[in-house]
């Protein structure tokens, strides 16, 4: 269901030479994007990870970062139950 909460282990990501984002045991809300958004999460579900602050996590060049603007296709993930999260 929407509203599942997960935690990320401590994670540092360098966005560029001047910008750093830190994710340290932050809670995220899983937003399911599939046509049946009220259904259960399952392998292959399209999701977004929303932070407490209302921003979305984004995958950029294989790294996980906070978004600071509008979310886009880099903030959409595919749930892989046997392999963790991968960017769509």
N, C-alpha and C. Protein backbone atom coordinates (compact mmCIF):
# COMPACT_ATOMS: atom_id res chain seq x y z
N UNK A 1 0.84 -1.19 0.00
CA UNK A 1 0.00 0.00 0.00
C UNK A 1 0.87 1.24 0.00
N UNK A 2 0.30 2.37 -0.43
CA UNK A 2 1.00 3.63 -0.28
C UNK A 2 1.20 3.89 1.21
N UNK A 3 2.27 4.57 1.56
CA UNK A 3 2.52 4.89 2.94
C UNK A 3 3.49 3.94 3.62
N UNK A 4 3.97 2.90 2.95
CA UNK A 4 5.01 2.06 3.52
C UNK A 4 6.22 2.94 3.79
N UNK A 5 6.93 2.66 4.85
CA UNK A 5 8.11 3.45 5.21
C UNK A 5 9.33 2.55 5.20
N UNK A 6 10.40 3.03 4.59
CA UNK A 6 11.67 2.32 4.61
C UNK A 6 12.74 3.26 5.14
N UNK A 7 13.86 2.71 5.54
CA UNK A 7 14.97 3.53 6.00
C UNK A 7 16.19 3.25 5.13
N UNK A 8 17.00 4.28 4.93
CA UNK A 8 18.25 4.12 4.19
C UNK A 8 19.40 4.09 5.18
N UNK A 9 20.36 3.22 4.94
CA UNK A 9 21.57 3.25 5.74
C UNK A 9 22.31 4.55 5.48
N UNK A 10 23.26 4.88 6.33
CA UNK A 10 24.02 6.12 6.12
C UNK A 10 24.63 6.10 4.73
N UNK A 11 24.50 7.20 4.03
CA UNK A 11 24.88 7.24 2.63
C UNK A 11 25.36 8.64 2.29
N UNK A 12 26.55 8.77 1.73
CA UNK A 12 27.06 10.05 1.25
C UNK A 12 27.12 10.02 -0.26
N UNK A 13 26.74 11.10 -0.89
CA UNK A 13 26.77 11.16 -2.35
C UNK A 13 27.28 12.53 -2.77
N UNK A 14 28.30 12.57 -3.60
CA UNK A 14 28.79 13.82 -4.15
C UNK A 14 28.07 14.10 -5.46
N UNK A 15 27.32 15.20 -5.50
CA UNK A 15 26.58 15.57 -6.69
C UNK A 15 27.51 16.26 -7.68
N UNK A 16 28.31 17.18 -7.19
CA UNK A 16 29.38 17.78 -7.99
C UNK A 16 30.44 18.25 -7.00
N UNK A 17 31.43 18.96 -7.47
CA UNK A 17 32.56 19.31 -6.60
C UNK A 17 32.16 20.26 -5.47
N UNK A 18 31.01 20.91 -5.57
CA UNK A 18 30.60 21.88 -4.56
C UNK A 18 29.40 21.42 -3.72
N UNK A 19 28.70 20.38 -4.13
CA UNK A 19 27.43 20.02 -3.51
C UNK A 19 27.49 18.63 -2.92
N UNK A 20 27.06 18.50 -1.69
CA UNK A 20 27.00 17.19 -1.03
C UNK A 20 25.60 16.98 -0.46
N UNK A 21 25.09 15.78 -0.55
CA UNK A 21 23.82 15.40 0.08
C UNK A 21 24.09 14.22 0.99
N UNK A 22 23.49 14.24 2.16
CA UNK A 22 23.66 13.13 3.10
C UNK A 22 22.29 12.55 3.42
N UNK A 23 22.20 11.24 3.34
CA UNK A 23 21.00 10.53 3.75
C UNK A 23 21.41 9.64 4.91
N UNK A 24 20.95 9.94 6.12
CA UNK A 24 21.36 9.18 7.30
C UNK A 24 20.13 8.67 8.03
N UNK A 25 19.80 7.42 7.83
CA UNK A 25 18.66 6.78 8.48
C UNK A 25 17.40 7.62 8.37
N UNK A 26 17.19 8.19 7.23
CA UNK A 26 15.98 8.97 6.99
C UNK A 26 14.86 8.03 6.57
N UNK A 27 13.63 8.38 6.98
CA UNK A 27 12.47 7.58 6.58
C UNK A 27 11.92 8.11 5.27
N UNK A 28 11.47 7.20 4.43
CA UNK A 28 10.89 7.56 3.14
C UNK A 28 9.50 6.94 3.02
N UNK A 29 8.61 7.65 2.37
CA UNK A 29 7.29 7.11 2.07
C UNK A 29 7.30 6.59 0.65
N UNK A 30 6.86 5.36 0.46
CA UNK A 30 6.79 4.79 -0.88
C UNK A 30 5.47 5.21 -1.51
N UNK A 31 5.55 5.86 -2.66
CA UNK A 31 4.37 6.23 -3.43
C UNK A 31 4.29 5.32 -4.65
N UNK A 32 3.26 4.50 -4.70
CA UNK A 32 3.08 3.56 -5.82
C UNK A 32 2.49 4.30 -7.00
N UNK A 33 3.04 4.12 -8.20
CA UNK A 33 2.64 4.87 -9.38
C UNK A 33 1.83 4.04 -10.38
N UNK A 34 1.69 2.77 -10.14
CA UNK A 34 0.99 1.90 -11.09
C UNK A 34 -0.48 2.27 -11.19
N UNK A 35 -1.11 1.78 -12.25
CA UNK A 35 -2.52 2.10 -12.51
C UNK A 35 -3.40 1.76 -11.32
N UNK A 36 -3.07 0.73 -10.58
CA UNK A 36 -3.84 0.35 -9.41
C UNK A 36 -3.07 0.80 -8.18
N UNK A 37 -3.03 2.11 -7.95
CA UNK A 37 -2.16 2.67 -6.92
C UNK A 37 -2.56 2.27 -5.51
N UNK A 38 -3.75 1.75 -5.31
CA UNK A 38 -4.16 1.31 -3.98
C UNK A 38 -3.84 -0.16 -3.73
N UNK A 39 -3.33 -0.85 -4.76
CA UNK A 39 -3.02 -2.27 -4.62
C UNK A 39 -1.74 -2.49 -3.84
N UNK A 40 -1.41 -3.75 -3.64
CA UNK A 40 -0.20 -4.12 -2.90
C UNK A 40 1.04 -3.87 -3.74
N UNK A 41 2.15 -3.61 -3.05
CA UNK A 41 3.43 -3.53 -3.73
C UNK A 41 3.84 -4.93 -4.15
N UNK A 42 4.36 -5.05 -5.35
CA UNK A 42 4.82 -6.34 -5.84
C UNK A 42 5.99 -6.13 -6.78
N UNK A 43 6.65 -7.22 -7.13
CA UNK A 43 7.78 -7.15 -8.04
C UNK A 43 7.36 -6.41 -9.32
N UNK A 44 8.13 -5.40 -9.70
CA UNK A 44 7.84 -4.64 -10.91
C UNK A 44 7.01 -3.39 -10.68
N UNK A 45 6.54 -3.16 -9.45
CA UNK A 45 5.76 -1.95 -9.17
C UNK A 45 6.60 -0.71 -9.43
N UNK A 46 6.00 0.31 -10.03
CA UNK A 46 6.66 1.60 -10.22
C UNK A 46 6.40 2.45 -8.98
N UNK A 47 7.47 2.99 -8.39
CA UNK A 47 7.33 3.74 -7.15
C UNK A 47 8.20 5.00 -7.17
N UNK A 48 7.88 5.92 -6.25
CA UNK A 48 8.73 7.06 -5.93
C UNK A 48 8.97 7.04 -4.44
N UNK A 49 10.12 7.56 -4.00
CA UNK A 49 10.48 7.60 -2.59
C UNK A 49 10.43 9.05 -2.11
N UNK A 50 9.43 9.36 -1.30
CA UNK A 50 9.22 10.73 -0.82
C UNK A 50 9.82 10.89 0.57
N UNK A 51 10.60 11.96 0.78
CA UNK A 51 11.23 12.19 2.07
C UNK A 51 10.27 12.91 3.01
N UNK A 52 10.66 12.98 4.25
CA UNK A 52 9.90 13.71 5.27
C UNK A 52 9.70 15.16 4.85
N UNK A 53 10.66 15.72 4.14
CA UNK A 53 10.63 17.13 3.75
C UNK A 53 9.81 17.38 2.49
N UNK A 54 9.23 16.34 1.90
CA UNK A 54 8.39 16.51 0.72
C UNK A 54 9.14 16.45 -0.59
N UNK A 55 10.44 16.18 -0.53
CA UNK A 55 11.22 16.03 -1.76
C UNK A 55 11.27 14.55 -2.13
N UNK A 56 11.72 14.26 -3.33
CA UNK A 56 11.82 12.88 -3.79
C UNK A 56 13.27 12.50 -3.97
N UNK A 57 13.57 11.22 -3.73
CA UNK A 57 14.90 10.73 -4.04
C UNK A 57 14.99 10.48 -5.53
N UNK A 58 16.19 10.66 -6.06
CA UNK A 58 16.43 10.59 -7.50
C UNK A 58 17.69 9.78 -7.74
N UNK A 59 17.72 9.03 -8.83
CA UNK A 59 18.92 8.30 -9.22
C UNK A 59 19.61 9.07 -10.34
N UNK A 60 20.86 9.47 -10.10
CA UNK A 60 21.63 10.20 -11.10
C UNK A 60 22.98 9.52 -11.24
N UNK A 61 23.29 9.04 -12.42
CA UNK A 61 24.57 8.37 -12.68
C UNK A 61 24.84 7.26 -11.67
N UNK A 62 23.81 6.53 -11.30
CA UNK A 62 23.98 5.42 -10.38
C UNK A 62 24.00 5.79 -8.92
N UNK A 63 23.87 7.08 -8.58
CA UNK A 63 23.88 7.53 -7.19
C UNK A 63 22.48 7.96 -6.78
N UNK A 64 22.19 7.83 -5.49
CA UNK A 64 20.89 8.21 -4.94
C UNK A 64 21.03 9.58 -4.29
N UNK A 65 20.25 10.57 -4.72
CA UNK A 65 20.34 11.92 -4.19
C UNK A 65 18.94 12.46 -3.89
N UNK A 66 18.88 13.54 -3.11
CA UNK A 66 17.63 14.26 -2.93
C UNK A 66 17.39 15.12 -4.16
N UNK A 67 16.13 15.30 -4.53
CA UNK A 67 15.81 16.24 -5.59
C UNK A 67 15.56 17.60 -4.95
N UNK A 68 15.85 18.64 -5.68
CA UNK A 68 15.62 19.99 -5.17
C UNK A 68 14.64 20.74 -6.05
N UNK A 69 14.08 20.09 -7.02
CA UNK A 69 13.11 20.71 -7.91
C UNK A 69 12.00 19.73 -8.18
N UNK A 70 11.38 19.86 -9.31
CA UNK A 70 10.32 18.93 -9.67
C UNK A 70 10.88 17.54 -9.90
N UNK A 71 10.10 16.53 -9.50
CA UNK A 71 10.54 15.17 -9.77
C UNK A 71 10.33 14.86 -11.24
N UNK A 72 11.08 13.91 -11.75
CA UNK A 72 10.98 13.53 -13.15
C UNK A 72 11.26 12.03 -13.26
N UNK A 73 11.59 11.55 -14.45
CA UNK A 73 11.77 10.11 -14.63
C UNK A 73 12.93 9.55 -13.81
N UNK A 74 13.88 10.40 -13.37
CA UNK A 74 14.98 9.89 -12.56
C UNK A 74 14.56 9.65 -11.12
N UNK A 75 13.34 10.06 -10.75
CA UNK A 75 12.85 9.78 -9.40
C UNK A 75 11.81 8.66 -9.41
N UNK A 76 11.68 7.97 -10.53
CA UNK A 76 10.79 6.80 -10.62
C UNK A 76 11.64 5.54 -10.57
N UNK A 77 11.29 4.63 -9.67
CA UNK A 77 12.02 3.39 -9.48
C UNK A 77 11.12 2.20 -9.77
N UNK A 78 11.74 1.08 -10.09
CA UNK A 78 11.03 -0.18 -10.23
C UNK A 78 11.41 -1.07 -9.05
N UNK A 79 10.41 -1.57 -8.34
CA UNK A 79 10.67 -2.43 -7.19
C UNK A 79 11.06 -3.82 -7.68
N UNK A 80 12.23 -4.27 -7.26
CA UNK A 80 12.71 -5.61 -7.59
C UNK A 80 12.83 -6.37 -6.26
N UNK A 81 11.90 -7.24 -5.98
CA UNK A 81 11.85 -7.88 -4.68
C UNK A 81 13.05 -8.77 -4.40
N UNK A 82 13.69 -9.29 -5.42
CA UNK A 82 14.85 -10.15 -5.22
C UNK A 82 16.16 -9.40 -5.32
N UNK A 83 16.13 -8.13 -5.75
CA UNK A 83 17.36 -7.41 -6.06
C UNK A 83 17.40 -5.99 -5.52
N UNK A 84 16.48 -5.58 -4.67
CA UNK A 84 16.45 -4.22 -4.17
C UNK A 84 15.82 -3.28 -5.17
N UNK A 85 16.20 -2.00 -5.11
CA UNK A 85 15.64 -0.97 -5.98
C UNK A 85 16.57 -0.69 -7.15
N UNK A 86 15.99 -0.54 -8.32
CA UNK A 86 16.76 -0.10 -9.48
C UNK A 86 16.00 1.02 -10.15
N UNK A 87 16.74 1.93 -10.77
CA UNK A 87 16.09 3.03 -11.47
C UNK A 87 15.42 2.49 -12.72
N UNK A 88 14.26 3.03 -13.03
CA UNK A 88 13.52 2.62 -14.22
C UNK A 88 14.22 3.10 -15.47
